[in-house]
Amino acid sequence: MQQLATLNGLRNSFKKFTTGLIQDGNALKQSRFTQHPEGIFSEGAWVQLLFLLQFWLKDQSPGFEKTDMAIEKSVRTVFDLFDNTPVDSLLDFGKFLWKEKFKMS
């Protein structure tokens, strides 16, 4: 716990940075249902960073190849979580059908 306390300044700066990124992404979303909660996702990004740092510290592979793979796979996973395209498409289709239902009635 004391080691984590030494990272408190980094944590605050990192969470502020990721919150800004999340806010920018949310501003592009058409529906509030597909927006990401800033606090939860910025905390998740912090946990991911800690995981990657710990992985790197224990990595004995040549040239830290396994750390590179861990970064690639974890970042891809996060971007997949951020990608709400199916939800956006479903909501857009639902709005269209709703509007058309009233036009046809």
Protein backbone atom coordinates (compact mmCIF):
# COMPACT_ATOMS: atom_id res chain seq x y z
CA MET A 1 0.00 0.00 0.00
CA GLN A 2 2.86 2.37 0.73
CA GLN A 3 4.22 1.76 -2.77
CA LEU A 4 0.86 2.74 -4.25
CA ALA A 5 0.86 5.91 -2.16
CA THR A 6 4.07 7.00 -3.89
CA LEU A 7 2.19 6.82 -7.20
CA ASN A 8 -0.62 9.09 -6.01
CA GLY A 9 0.54 12.10 -8.04
CA LEU A 10 0.88 9.96 -11.17
CA ARG A 11 -2.56 8.46 -10.50
CA ASN A 12 -4.21 11.87 -10.25
CA SER A 13 -2.55 13.14 -13.44
CA PHE A 14 -3.31 9.93 -15.31
CA LYS A 15 -6.96 9.88 -14.26
CA LYS A 16 -7.33 13.55 -15.24
CA PHE A 17 -5.84 12.77 -18.65
CA THR A 18 -8.03 9.70 -19.23
CA THR A 19 -11.14 11.54 -18.02
CA GLY A 20 -10.51 14.14 -20.71
CA LEU A 21 -10.21 11.43 -23.34
CA ILE A 22 -13.43 9.80 -22.16
CA GLN A 23 -15.24 13.16 -22.20
CA ASP A 24 -14.05 13.75 -25.77
CA GLY A 25 -15.31 10.32 -26.78
CA ASN A 26 -18.63 10.84 -25.04
CA ALA A 27 -19.12 14.16 -26.86
CA LEU A 28 -19.12 12.21 -30.13
CA LYS A 29 -21.80 9.76 -28.98
CA GLN A 30 -25.33 10.33 -30.22
CA SER A 31 -27.00 8.72 -27.25
CA ARG A 32 -26.30 9.06 -23.56
CA PHE A 33 -26.91 5.30 -23.27
CA THR A 34 -23.66 4.65 -25.14
CA GLN A 35 -21.60 7.16 -23.17
CA HIS A 36 -19.04 5.83 -20.73
CA PRO A 37 -19.02 6.81 -17.05
CA GLU A 38 -15.86 8.86 -16.65
CA GLY A 39 -15.04 7.81 -13.11
CA ILE A 40 -15.37 4.09 -13.75
CA PHE A 41 -13.48 4.08 -17.03
CA SER A 42 -10.67 6.35 -15.81
CA GLU A 43 -10.23 4.10 -12.77
CA GLY A 44 -10.21 1.08 -15.08
CA ALA A 45 -7.50 2.71 -17.18
CA TRP A 46 -5.45 3.28 -14.01
CA VAL A 47 -5.82 -0.38 -13.02
CA GLN A 48 -4.78 -1.38 -16.53
CA LEU A 49 -1.67 0.81 -16.27
CA LEU A 50 -0.76 -0.74 -12.90
CA PHE A 51 -1.25 -4.22 -14.34
CA LEU A 52 1.01 -3.43 -17.30
CA LEU A 53 3.69 -1.93 -15.06
CA GLN A 54 3.62 -5.00 -12.82
CA PHE A 55 3.74 -7.29 -15.86
CA TRP A 56 6.71 -5.36 -17.24
CA LEU A 57 8.59 -5.55 -13.93
CA LYS A 58 8.26 -9.35 -13.90
CA ASP A 59 8.85 -9.88 -17.63
CA GLN A 60 11.99 -11.90 -18.32
CA SER A 61 11.42 -12.32 -22.05
CA PRO A 62 14.05 -11.04 -24.49
CA GLY A 63 13.41 -7.41 -25.37
CA PHE A 64 10.31 -7.46 -23.16
CA GLU A 65 8.40 -9.17 -26.00
CA LYS A 66 5.73 -10.47 -23.66
CA THR A 67 5.15 -6.99 -22.25
CA ASP A 68 4.66 -5.72 -25.81
CA MET A 69 2.09 -8.46 -26.37
CA ALA A 70 0.34 -7.68 -23.07
CA ILE A 71 0.12 -3.99 -23.99
CA GLU A 72 -1.23 -4.78 -27.45
CA LYS A 73 -3.84 -7.23 -26.20
CA SER A 74 -4.97 -5.08 -23.27
CA VAL A 75 -5.28 -1.95 -25.40
CA ARG A 76 -7.22 -3.86 -28.06
CA THR A 77 -9.56 -5.17 -25.35
CA VAL A 78 -10.16 -1.67 -23.98
CA PHE A 79 -10.89 -0.29 -27.43
CA ASP A 80 -13.33 -3.15 -28.04
CA LEU A 81 -15.09 -2.17 -24.81
CA PHE A 82 -15.20 1.46 -25.92
CA ASP A 83 -16.56 0.56 -29.33
CA ASN A 84 -20.31 0.70 -28.95
CA THR A 85 -21.01 0.55 -32.68
CA PRO A 86 -23.55 -2.30 -32.36
CA VAL A 87 -25.39 -0.46 -29.58
CA ASP A 88 -25.31 2.81 -31.55
CA SER A 89 -26.63 1.03 -34.64
CA LEU A 90 -29.38 -0.68 -32.67
CA LEU A 91 -30.49 2.61 -31.08
CA ASP A 92 -30.41 4.38 -34.43
CA PHE A 93 -32.47 1.60 -36.03
CA GLY A 94 -34.93 1.70 -33.13
CA LYS A 95 -35.38 5.47 -33.52
CA PHE A 96 -35.97 5.03 -37.23
CA LEU A 97 -38.59 2.33 -36.67
CA TRP A 98 -40.28 4.42 -33.98
CA LYS A 99 -40.52 7.43 -36.27
CA GLU A 100 -41.74 5.33 -39.20
CA LYS A 101 -44.38 3.68 -37.06
CA PHE A 102 -45.97 7.07 -36.39
CA LYS A 103 -45.72 8.11 -40.04
CA MET A 104 -47.49 4.93 -41.18
CA SER A 105 -50.25 5.14 -38.59
